[in-house]
Amino acid sequence: MLDAGRHPKVNLLAYSQVEEVSGEVGAFQLKVRKKARYVNEDLCTGCGACVEKCPSKVEDEYNIGLGERTAIYKYFPQGIPSTHCIDAENCRQLGQGKKCGICAKVCQAGAVDYEQQDQFVDLEVGAIVLATGYDVFDPSVIPEYGYGRIGNVVTAMELERLLSASGPTHGHLDRPSELALRVEIAVLEKELQKATRQIEKLEEKHGKKTAKFVKEFKAGKAGEDGDFERWASLAEKAAVAEEKLAPLKKREATAHTAKKLAFIQCVGSRDFRFNRFCSSYCCMHSVKEAMIAYEHDNETTSSIFCMDLRAVGRGFEEYKLRGGKSSNVQYIRGRVAEITKGEAHNPIVWYESTTTRKVEHETFDMVVLATACVPSAGTPKLAELMGLDLDENGFFKTDPLAPLDTTRAGIFVCGCAQGPMDIPESVAQASSAAARAAEVVFTAPKAAAGGGK
């Protein structure tokens, strides 16, 4: 990616969106909206000083809502160009009409520009490659699996971020229930500290301790003063916070990382209710995550529940067997029927084992749902914009004998824009799509005459 960003013949238009497409193979005209970052990417050095000082905190999309980010941020650490962007909606200065401007004050490069506007770029190109990626299936529409209701039921992508050293837990497999507990404790401690500071000022002003004041106030002997009602309210607020904090801190002291994991395969795929197709990469992704979890903590055990495990790539079967032999991974053939909530927020997996032919259940620290690969949300709109057809599953329709060619000449696809596939296959398709596009550019006379790219 760094090489692409530095290449003299590669023009990156990050944070941009195609608005209009016209023309034909060899001479397409595109109108691209380059969205305002409110940061001059030519001046920004990516130092992060603005992020450290920004007071606005919002949910972090990149970490799937498991952490927070500031209103000025990088979408992910390895992004090219390595520059920041302001989330205008959540920025105090831009979206909330408040006086702030902290990021502009601390930026030594002078890169922050609150007046920046969207720009439009016109391009003439010979060929187009669509690499739009995919979205993950929302498992909350399967109520029996408890996603969104049982805190320690997560998706495979959420586990990926928990296992990442740059993720919200720095690679420690903390359970979402414990993460929520820490947030609740932090909020209560902040409230208690604020109330305590105000109470201390009132104690100093009136020369008495709060315990004595409260006793007099309840007996009606405190007298009349404008501070007394507020003092009594603050004392009650502090007492409630302390009462709530005691059991929460006790729970926090016994909290532990997830050591017993369950992976549920085919969540939303190979299912006539949602998506009939196999998502291709989920089996090996679950094996990989189970092995990484074991590397983080050798006490970790993982159970992978599946109808069948599809390890069809080169070396995949050996990788699967290695997980079972060296990483405490066991494979259970059985369709999970339901997940319920047990003690200490532990999920209970109910399933019919095809080995014992009995309905069984087992308690885990965390359950991971291997969710289906579905077309990205913008696919239908982009297909309409490009004048392309979609297949029965919602991916871009391609020729069975030319799997990179869409229904419009000169427009090609690769990766999960065409359908579910893993990384090696996506990389191979990307190279093939680049070759097909180059073939069009160098053979179409209109592209050569018009300076097509």
Protein backbone atom coordinates (compact mmCIF):
# COMPACT_ATOMS: atom_id res chain seq x y z
CA MET A 1 0.00 0.00 0.00
CA LEU A 2 2.87 2.36 0.79
CA ASP A 3 4.36 1.66 -2.65
CA ALA A 4 1.02 2.48 -4.29
CA GLY A 5 0.83 5.77 -2.36
CA ARG A 6 4.32 6.76 -3.53
CA HIS A 7 4.02 5.60 -7.15
CA PRO A 8 4.16 8.54 -9.59
CA LYS A 9 1.49 6.98 -11.82
CA VAL A 10 -0.97 6.14 -9.03
CA ASN A 11 -3.38 8.88 -7.97
CA LEU A 12 -5.09 8.02 -4.68
CA LEU A 13 -8.44 9.68 -4.06
CA ALA A 14 -9.10 8.51 -0.51
CA TYR A 15 -12.26 9.60 1.31
CA SER A 16 -13.96 10.10 -2.07
CA GLN A 17 -17.12 8.87 -3.74
CA VAL A 18 -18.08 8.35 -7.39
CA GLU A 19 -21.12 10.51 -8.20
CA GLU A 20 -21.59 10.08 -11.96
CA VAL A 21 -20.45 7.63 -14.65
CA SER A 22 -20.88 8.04 -18.41
CA GLY A 23 -19.15 7.02 -21.63
CA GLU A 24 -18.09 3.61 -22.82
CA VAL A 25 -15.21 1.17 -22.71
CA GLY A 26 -11.95 3.00 -23.40
CA ALA A 27 -13.46 6.42 -22.63
CA PHE A 28 -15.41 6.51 -19.37
CA GLN A 29 -16.10 9.89 -17.74
CA LEU A 30 -16.34 9.90 -13.94
CA LYS A 31 -17.35 12.66 -11.57
CA VAL A 32 -15.85 12.06 -8.12
CA ARG A 33 -16.75 13.88 -4.92
CA LYS A 34 -13.67 14.36 -2.76
CA LYS A 35 -15.18 14.83 0.68
CA ALA A 36 -13.99 17.54 3.03
CA ARG A 37 -11.73 16.15 5.76
CA TYR A 38 -11.39 19.58 7.40
CA VAL A 39 -7.71 18.64 7.51
CA ASN A 40 -5.25 19.55 4.76
CA GLU A 41 -3.71 16.17 3.90
CA ASP A 42 -0.70 17.86 2.27
CA LEU A 43 0.17 19.55 5.58
CA CYS A 44 -0.89 16.89 8.09
CA THR A 45 2.06 14.89 9.42
CA GLY A 46 -0.09 12.31 11.21
CA CYS A 47 1.54 13.09 14.59
CA GLY A 48 -1.71 12.60 16.54
CA ALA A 49 -1.41 15.66 18.80
CA CYS A 50 -4.96 16.68 17.83
CA VAL A 51 -6.32 13.26 18.81
CA GLU A 52 -4.70 13.47 22.27
CA LYS A 53 -6.38 16.80 23.06
CA CYS A 54 -9.81 16.41 21.38
CA PRO A 55 -12.53 16.42 24.09
CA SER A 56 -15.30 14.79 22.00
CA LYS A 57 -15.63 11.00 22.33
CA VAL A 58 -17.81 8.84 20.08
CA GLU A 59 -18.20 5.14 19.28
CA ASP A 60 -15.32 3.74 17.25
CA GLU A 61 -16.65 2.11 14.05
CA TYR A 62 -13.32 0.50 13.21
CA ASN A 63 -13.35 -1.35 16.55
CA ILE A 64 -16.98 -2.37 15.93
CA GLY A 65 -18.25 -0.20 18.79
CA LEU A 66 -16.04 -1.92 21.39
CA GLY A 67 -14.08 1.26 22.04
CA GLU A 68 -14.20 5.00 21.58
CA ARG A 69 -12.46 7.46 19.28
CA THR A 70 -12.26 11.22 19.18
CA ALA A 71 -14.07 13.50 16.72
CA ILE A 72 -10.77 14.02 14.88
CA TYR A 73 -9.28 10.65 14.04
CA LYS A 74 -7.61 8.21 11.66
CA TYR A 75 -9.99 5.51 10.46
CA PHE A 76 -7.28 2.89 11.02
CA PRO A 77 -3.54 3.12 11.82
CA GLN A 78 -2.17 1.85 8.49
CA GLY A 79 -4.30 4.13 6.29
CA ILE A 80 -2.78 5.78 3.22
CA PRO A 81 -2.53 8.75 3.13
CA SER A 82 -1.55 8.88 6.81
CA THR A 83 -3.72 11.84 7.66
CA HIS A 84 -6.58 12.71 9.98
CA CYS A 85 -10.21 13.59 9.40
CA ILE A 86 -12.81 15.46 11.45
CA ASP A 87 -16.18 13.82 12.06
CA ALA A 88 -18.19 17.01 11.49
CA GLU A 89 -21.40 15.68 13.03
CA ASN A 90 -19.72 14.94 16.37
CA CYS A 91 -17.27 17.86 16.36
CA ARG A 92 -18.07 20.59 18.90
CA GLN A 93 -16.82 23.28 16.52
CA LEU A 94 -18.42 22.08 13.27
CA GLY A 95 -21.49 20.06 14.21
CA GLN A 96 -22.59 21.31 17.61
CA GLY A 97 -22.02 25.06 17.26
CA LYS A 98 -19.83 25.23 20.37
CA LYS A 99 -16.57 27.09 20.78
CA CYS A 100 -13.71 24.62 20.78
CA GLY A 101 -11.00 24.74 18.10
CA ILE A 102 -8.57 22.74 20.28
CA CYS A 103 -7.33 20.61 17.39
CA ALA A 104 -6.47 23.71 15.36
CA LYS A 105 -4.62 25.22 18.34
CA VAL A 106 -2.42 22.18 18.98
CA CYS A 107 -1.68 21.40 15.29
CA GLN A 108 1.84 22.74 14.73
CA ALA A 109 1.58 22.05 10.99
CA GLY A 110 -1.52 24.27 10.67
CA ALA A 111 -3.34 21.47 8.85
CA VAL A 112 -6.79 21.88 10.45
CA ASP A 113 -9.13 23.84 8.17
CA TYR A 114 -12.71 24.27 9.40
CA GLU A 115 -13.68 26.05 6.16
CA GLN A 116 -12.73 23.18 3.83
CA GLN A 117 -15.45 22.18 1.34
CA ASP A 118 -16.17 19.12 -0.80
CA GLN A 119 -14.41 19.18 -4.16
CA PHE A 120 -15.37 17.55 -7.46
CA VAL A 121 -12.81 15.82 -9.65
CA ASP A 122 -13.50 14.87 -13.28
CA LEU A 123 -11.69 11.80 -14.60
CA GLU A 124 -11.48 10.20 -18.01
CA VAL A 125 -10.49 6.54 -17.74
CA GLY A 126 -10.29 3.56 -20.05
CA ALA A 127 -11.45 0.87 -17.61
CA ILE A 128 -12.94 0.55 -14.12
CA VAL A 129 -12.27 -2.09 -11.46
CA LEU A 130 -14.79 -2.48 -8.65
CA ALA A 131 -13.30 -3.76 -5.38
CA THR A 132 -16.10 -2.79 -3.01
CA GLY A 133 -15.51 -5.48 -0.39
CA TYR A 134 -18.38 -6.80 1.71
CA ASP A 135 -20.43 -6.30 4.85
CA VAL A 136 -20.97 -8.84 7.60
CA PHE A 137 -24.42 -10.28 8.27
CA ASP A 138 -26.27 -8.78 11.23
CA PRO A 139 -26.90 -11.73 13.58
CA SER A 140 -29.40 -9.82 15.73
CA VAL A 141 -32.12 -10.97 13.30
CA ILE A 142 -31.59 -14.51 14.67
CA PRO A 143 -33.01 -14.01 18.19
CA GLU A 144 -32.21 -17.55 19.35
CA TYR A 145 -28.49 -16.70 19.27
CA GLY A 146 -28.92 -13.76 21.64
CA TYR A 147 -26.63 -11.30 19.86
CA GLY A 148 -27.22 -7.82 21.29
CA ARG A 149 -29.05 -9.35 24.25
CA ILE A 150 -26.35 -11.56 25.77
CA GLY A 151 -23.24 -9.42 26.25
CA ASN A 152 -20.66 -12.17 25.75
CA VAL A 153 -22.02 -13.31 22.38
CA VAL A 154 -19.86 -11.53 19.78
CA THR A 155 -19.25 -11.67 16.04
CA ALA A 156 -16.04 -12.97 14.46
CA MET A 157 -15.07 -9.40 13.47
CA GLU A 158 -15.53 -8.21 17.06
CA LEU A 159 -13.28 -11.02 18.29
CA GLU A 160 -10.75 -10.02 15.62
CA ARG A 161 -10.54 -6.53 17.11
CA LEU A 162 -10.31 -7.90 20.68
CA LEU A 163 -7.37 -10.09 19.64
CA SER A 164 -5.58 -7.24 17.88
CA ALA A 165 -2.73 -5.45 19.66
CA SER A 166 -4.09 -2.15 18.26
CA GLY A 167 -7.64 -2.99 19.35
CA PRO A 168 -9.68 -1.71 22.31
CA THR A 169 -8.18 -4.26 24.76
CA HIS A 170 -4.63 -4.28 23.29
CA GLY A 171 -4.91 -7.96 22.42
CA HIS A 172 -6.23 -9.19 25.77
CA LEU A 173 -9.36 -11.33 25.42
CA ASP A 174 -11.49 -9.29 27.82
CA ARG A 175 -15.17 -10.13 27.71
CA PRO A 176 -17.67 -7.44 26.63
CA SER A 177 -19.49 -7.86 29.98
CA GLU A 178 -16.27 -6.85 31.77
CA LEU A 179 -15.69 -3.97 29.35
CA ALA A 180 -19.21 -2.69 30.08
CA LEU A 181 -18.56 -3.15 33.81
CA ARG A 182 -15.43 -0.98 33.63
CA VAL A 183 -17.32 1.73 31.76
CA GLU A 184 -20.10 1.68 34.37
CA ILE A 185 -17.56 1.91 37.20
CA ALA A 186 -15.72 4.77 35.47
CA VAL A 187 -18.98 6.74 35.04
CA LEU A 188 -19.98 6.25 38.70
CA GLU A 189 -16.47 7.16 39.94
CA LYS A 190 -16.56 10.33 37.85
CA GLU A 191 -19.95 11.27 39.33
CA LEU A 192 -18.70 10.50 42.84
CA GLN A 193 -15.52 12.56 42.39
CA LYS A 194 -17.50 15.52 41.08
CA ALA A 195 -20.00 15.36 43.95
CA THR A 196 -17.18 14.92 46.50
CA ARG A 197 -15.35 18.03 45.27
CA GLN A 198 -18.51 20.13 45.57
CA ILE A 199 -19.26 18.68 49.01
CA GLU A 200 -15.75 19.51 50.25
CA LYS A 201 -16.21 23.14 49.21
CA LEU A 202 -19.51 23.30 51.11
CA GLU A 203 -17.92 21.70 54.20
CA GLU A 204 -15.15 24.28 54.12
CA LYS A 205 -17.61 27.13 53.62
CA HIS A 206 -19.93 26.12 56.48
CA GLY A 207 -17.31 24.64 58.79
CA LYS A 208 -18.92 21.25 59.38
CA LYS A 209 -18.72 17.71 58.06
CA THR A 210 -21.37 16.32 55.73
CA ALA A 211 -22.39 13.52 58.12
CA LYS A 212 -23.26 16.08 60.82
CA PHE A 213 -24.99 18.35 58.31
CA VAL A 214 -27.16 15.53 56.93
CA LYS A 215 -28.21 14.55 60.46
CA GLU A 216 -29.20 18.15 61.25
CA PHE A 217 -30.90 18.57 57.84
CA LYS A 218 -33.08 15.50 58.34
CA ALA A 219 -34.00 16.68 61.86
CA GLY A 220 -34.87 20.15 60.53
CA LYS A 221 -32.13 21.80 62.60
CA ALA A 222 -29.78 22.85 59.80
CA GLY A 223 -31.36 26.28 59.46
CA GLU A 224 -32.07 28.06 56.20
CA ASP A 225 -29.43 28.64 53.59
CA GLY A 226 -29.48 28.51 49.79
CA ASP A 227 -26.68 25.92 49.82
CA PHE A 228 -28.39 23.40 52.09
CA GLU A 229 -30.80 21.86 49.58
CA ARG A 230 -27.96 21.39 47.07
CA TRP A 231 -25.68 20.02 49.80
CA ALA A 232 -28.28 17.46 50.83
CA SER A 233 -28.83 16.46 47.17
CA LEU A 234 -25.09 16.06 46.59
CA ALA A 235 -24.72 13.98 49.76
CA GLU A 236 -27.51 11.66 48.63
CA LYS A 237 -26.02 11.40 45.13
CA ALA A 238 -22.60 10.50 46.55
CA ALA A 239 -24.11 7.90 48.88
CA VAL A 240 -26.02 6.24 46.01
CA ALA A 241 -22.88 6.18 43.86
CA GLU A 242 -20.84 4.59 46.67
CA GLU A 243 -23.60 2.02 47.25
CA LYS A 244 -23.62 1.06 43.56
CA LEU A 245 -19.83 1.00 43.27
CA ALA A 246 -19.23 -1.53 46.06
CA PRO A 247 -20.76 -4.62 44.34
CA LEU A 248 -19.44 -3.53 40.92
CA LYS A 249 -15.86 -3.35 42.19
CA LYS A 250 -16.33 -6.73 43.84
CA ARG A 251 -17.37 -8.13 40.45
CA GLU A 252 -14.42 -6.42 38.78
CA ALA A 253 -12.00 -8.07 41.22
CA THR A 254 -13.20 -11.53 40.12
CA ALA A 255 -13.31 -10.70 36.39
CA HIS A 256 -11.14 -12.73 34.03
CA THR A 257 -10.33 -13.00 30.36
CA ALA A 258 -12.26 -15.43 28.18
CA LYS A 259 -10.60 -18.85 28.35
CA LYS A 260 -13.37 -21.10 27.04
CA LEU A 261 -14.61 -20.12 23.59
CA ALA A 262 -17.34 -21.44 21.32
CA PHE A 263 -17.44 -20.68 17.59
CA ILE A 264 -20.79 -21.05 15.81
CA GLN A 265 -20.42 -21.55 12.06
CA CYS A 266 -22.79 -20.62 9.20
CA VAL A 267 -24.58 -17.78 11.02
CA GLY A 268 -26.69 -16.28 8.23
CA SER A 269 -25.13 -18.39 5.47
CA ARG A 270 -26.19 -21.80 4.12
CA ASP A 271 -29.56 -20.81 5.54
CA PHE A 272 -32.71 -20.58 3.39
CA ARG A 273 -34.07 -17.83 5.65
CA PHE A 274 -31.22 -15.46 4.87
CA ASN A 275 -28.42 -16.43 2.46
CA ARG A 276 -28.31 -19.77 0.67
CA PHE A 277 -24.65 -19.51 -0.29
CA CYS A 278 -21.56 -20.58 1.68
CA SER A 279 -19.44 -17.61 2.76
CA SER A 280 -16.26 -19.53 1.91
CA TYR A 281 -13.75 -18.15 4.41
CA CYS A 282 -15.60 -18.48 7.75
CA CYS A 283 -14.38 -21.99 8.65
CA MET A 284 -10.69 -21.18 8.32
CA HIS A 285 -11.19 -17.76 9.90
CA SER A 286 -12.63 -19.40 13.03
CA VAL A 287 -9.74 -21.90 13.17
CA LYS A 288 -7.27 -19.02 12.83
CA GLU A 289 -8.93 -16.99 15.60
CA ALA A 290 -9.03 -20.02 17.91
CA MET A 291 -5.29 -20.61 17.33
CA ILE A 292 -4.45 -16.93 17.94
CA ALA A 293 -6.52 -16.96 21.16
CA TYR A 294 -4.46 -19.97 22.29
CA GLU A 295 -1.23 -18.13 21.47
CA HIS A 296 -2.37 -15.26 23.70
CA ASP A 297 -3.17 -17.62 26.58
CA ASN A 298 -2.27 -21.33 26.54
CA GLU A 299 -5.14 -22.07 28.94
CA THR A 300 -7.65 -21.14 26.23
CA THR A 301 -9.82 -23.91 24.78
CA SER A 302 -12.08 -23.53 21.74
CA SER A 303 -15.02 -25.55 20.44
CA ILE A 304 -16.06 -25.03 16.81
CA PHE A 305 -19.68 -26.04 16.14
CA CYS A 306 -20.33 -26.78 12.47
CA MET A 307 -22.50 -28.72 10.06
CA ASP A 308 -19.25 -29.55 8.26
CA LEU A 309 -15.92 -27.73 8.09
CA ARG A 310 -15.02 -26.62 4.58
CA ALA A 311 -11.23 -26.49 4.44
CA VAL A 312 -10.89 -26.54 0.64
CA GLY A 313 -7.74 -24.47 -0.02
CA ARG A 314 -4.16 -25.64 -0.33
CA GLY A 315 -2.82 -26.56 3.11
CA PHE A 316 -6.13 -25.71 4.79
CA GLU A 317 -6.87 -29.27 5.97
CA GLU A 318 -3.42 -29.52 7.53
CA TYR A 319 -3.94 -26.14 9.22
CA LYS A 320 -7.26 -27.32 10.64
CA LEU A 321 -5.68 -30.52 12.01
CA ARG A 322 -2.79 -28.53 13.52
CA GLY A 323 -5.33 -26.40 15.41
CA GLY A 324 -6.84 -29.52 16.93
CA LYS A 325 -3.48 -31.03 17.86
CA SER A 326 -1.59 -28.01 19.17
CA SER A 327 -4.07 -25.26 20.05
CA ASN A 328 -6.78 -26.93 22.19
CA VAL A 329 -9.34 -26.72 19.36
CA GLN A 330 -12.09 -29.32 19.10
CA TYR A 331 -14.57 -29.66 16.24
CA ILE A 332 -18.16 -30.52 17.14
CA ARG A 333 -20.50 -31.58 14.35
CA GLY A 334 -23.88 -30.24 15.32
CA ARG A 335 -26.16 -27.31 14.55
CA VAL A 336 -26.59 -24.91 17.48
CA ALA A 337 -30.27 -24.36 18.24
CA GLU A 338 -30.13 -21.69 20.94
CA ILE A 339 -27.84 -19.67 23.20
CA THR A 340 -29.09 -18.71 26.66
CA LYS A 341 -27.61 -16.62 29.44
CA GLY A 342 -26.18 -18.34 32.50
CA GLU A 343 -24.53 -17.17 35.73
CA ALA A 344 -21.79 -14.53 35.63
CA HIS A 345 -22.95 -13.53 32.13
CA ASN A 346 -21.73 -16.85 30.72
CA PRO A 347 -23.51 -17.95 27.51
CA ILE A 348 -24.90 -21.51 27.40
CA VAL A 349 -24.87 -23.24 24.00
CA TRP A 350 -27.66 -25.73 23.28
CA TYR A 351 -27.11 -28.09 20.35
CA GLU A 352 -27.90 -31.50 18.96
CA SER A 353 -24.74 -33.56 18.61
CA THR A 354 -24.75 -35.73 15.49
CA THR A 355 -22.25 -38.00 17.25
CA THR A 356 -24.28 -38.81 20.37
CA ARG A 357 -27.65 -38.01 18.72
CA LYS A 358 -28.68 -36.16 21.86
CA VAL A 359 -29.54 -32.56 22.71
CA GLU A 360 -26.67 -31.27 24.82
CA HIS A 361 -25.62 -27.98 26.36
CA GLU A 362 -22.35 -26.46 27.51
CA THR A 363 -21.36 -23.22 29.24
CA PHE A 364 -18.68 -20.96 27.75
CA ASP A 365 -16.96 -17.69 28.65
CA MET A 366 -17.65 -16.25 25.21
CA VAL A 367 -19.50 -17.32 22.06
CA VAL A 368 -18.27 -16.18 18.64
CA LEU A 369 -20.71 -16.05 15.70
CA ALA A 370 -19.10 -16.69 12.30
CA THR A 371 -21.38 -14.32 10.40
CA ALA A 372 -22.05 -14.50 6.67
CA CYS A 373 -20.34 -12.38 4.03
CA VAL A 374 -23.02 -10.24 2.36
CA PRO A 375 -22.83 -7.55 -0.36
CA SER A 376 -21.72 -4.13 0.90
CA ALA A 377 -24.57 -1.74 1.67
CA GLY A 378 -23.80 0.57 -1.27
CA THR A 379 -23.77 -2.20 -3.89
CA PRO A 380 -27.32 -1.67 -5.30
CA LYS A 381 -26.77 2.10 -5.64
CA LEU A 382 -23.36 1.63 -7.25
CA ALA A 383 -24.77 -0.98 -9.65
CA GLU A 384 -27.46 1.50 -10.74
CA LEU A 385 -24.85 4.25 -11.12
CA MET A 386 -22.58 2.02 -13.22
CA GLY A 387 -25.41 0.42 -15.21
CA LEU A 388 -24.59 -3.10 -13.96
CA ASP A 389 -26.67 -6.15 -13.11
CA LEU A 390 -26.57 -7.98 -9.78
CA ASP A 391 -26.86 -11.73 -9.32
CA GLU A 392 -29.49 -13.54 -7.24
CA ASN A 393 -27.39 -13.07 -4.08
CA GLY A 394 -26.91 -9.32 -4.53
CA PHE A 395 -23.27 -9.37 -5.69
CA PHE A 396 -22.16 -7.96 -9.05
CA LYS A 397 -23.15 -10.36 -11.85
CA THR A 398 -20.25 -11.73 -13.91
CA ASP A 399 -19.80 -14.03 -16.87
CA PRO A 400 -19.36 -17.66 -15.70
CA LEU A 401 -16.54 -18.13 -18.24
CA ALA A 402 -14.99 -14.70 -17.55
CA PRO A 403 -15.53 -14.20 -13.79
CA LEU A 404 -14.01 -10.71 -13.72
CA ASP A 405 -16.23 -9.25 -16.46
CA THR A 406 -19.43 -7.51 -15.42
CA THR A 407 -22.46 -6.96 -17.65
CA ARG A 408 -20.93 -3.73 -19.00
CA ALA A 409 -17.80 -3.80 -21.16
CA GLY A 410 -14.73 -2.21 -19.56
CA ILE A 411 -15.95 -2.59 -15.98
CA PHE A 412 -14.41 -5.43 -13.96
CA VAL A 413 -14.72 -6.76 -10.42
CA CYS A 414 -12.45 -8.53 -7.95
CA GLY A 415 -12.67 -9.92 -4.45
CA CYS A 416 -15.95 -9.99 -2.55
CA ALA A 417 -17.57 -7.59 -5.01
CA GLN A 418 -18.12 -10.71 -7.10
CA GLY A 419 -18.93 -13.07 -4.21
CA PRO A 420 -17.56 -14.45 -0.94
CA MET A 421 -13.89 -15.43 -1.11
CA ASP A 422 -10.80 -15.50 1.10
CA ILE A 423 -7.67 -13.33 0.96
CA PRO A 424 -5.50 -15.44 -1.40
CA GLU A 425 -8.31 -15.71 -3.95
CA SER A 426 -9.09 -11.97 -3.64
CA VAL A 427 -5.42 -11.08 -4.23
CA ALA A 428 -5.26 -13.35 -7.26
CA GLN A 429 -8.43 -11.80 -8.66
CA ALA A 430 -7.07 -8.29 -8.06
CA SER A 431 -4.02 -9.07 -10.20
CA SER A 432 -6.25 -10.56 -12.88
CA ALA A 433 -8.60 -7.56 -12.86
CA ALA A 434 -5.63 -5.19 -13.18
CA ALA A 435 -4.44 -7.19 -16.18
CA ARG A 436 -7.89 -7.07 -17.81
CA ALA A 437 -8.10 -3.31 -17.23
CA ALA A 438 -4.60 -2.81 -18.67
CA GLU A 439 -5.61 -4.84 -21.72
CA VAL A 440 -8.52 -2.46 -22.34
CA VAL A 441 -6.46 0.69 -21.76
CA PHE A 442 -3.66 -0.32 -24.11
CA THR A 443 -5.90 -1.66 -26.88
CA ALA A 444 -8.80 0.80 -26.93
CA PRO A 445 -7.99 3.69 -29.33
CA LYS A 446 -10.34 6.08 -27.56
CA ALA A 447 -8.49 5.66 -24.29
CA ALA A 448 -5.14 6.37 -25.95
CA ALA A 449 -6.45 9.44 -27.74
CA GLY A 450 -8.18 10.84 -24.65
CA GLY A 451 -5.33 10.23 -22.23
CA GLY A 452 -7.27 7.53 -20.38
CA LYS A 453 -5.85 6.11 -17.12
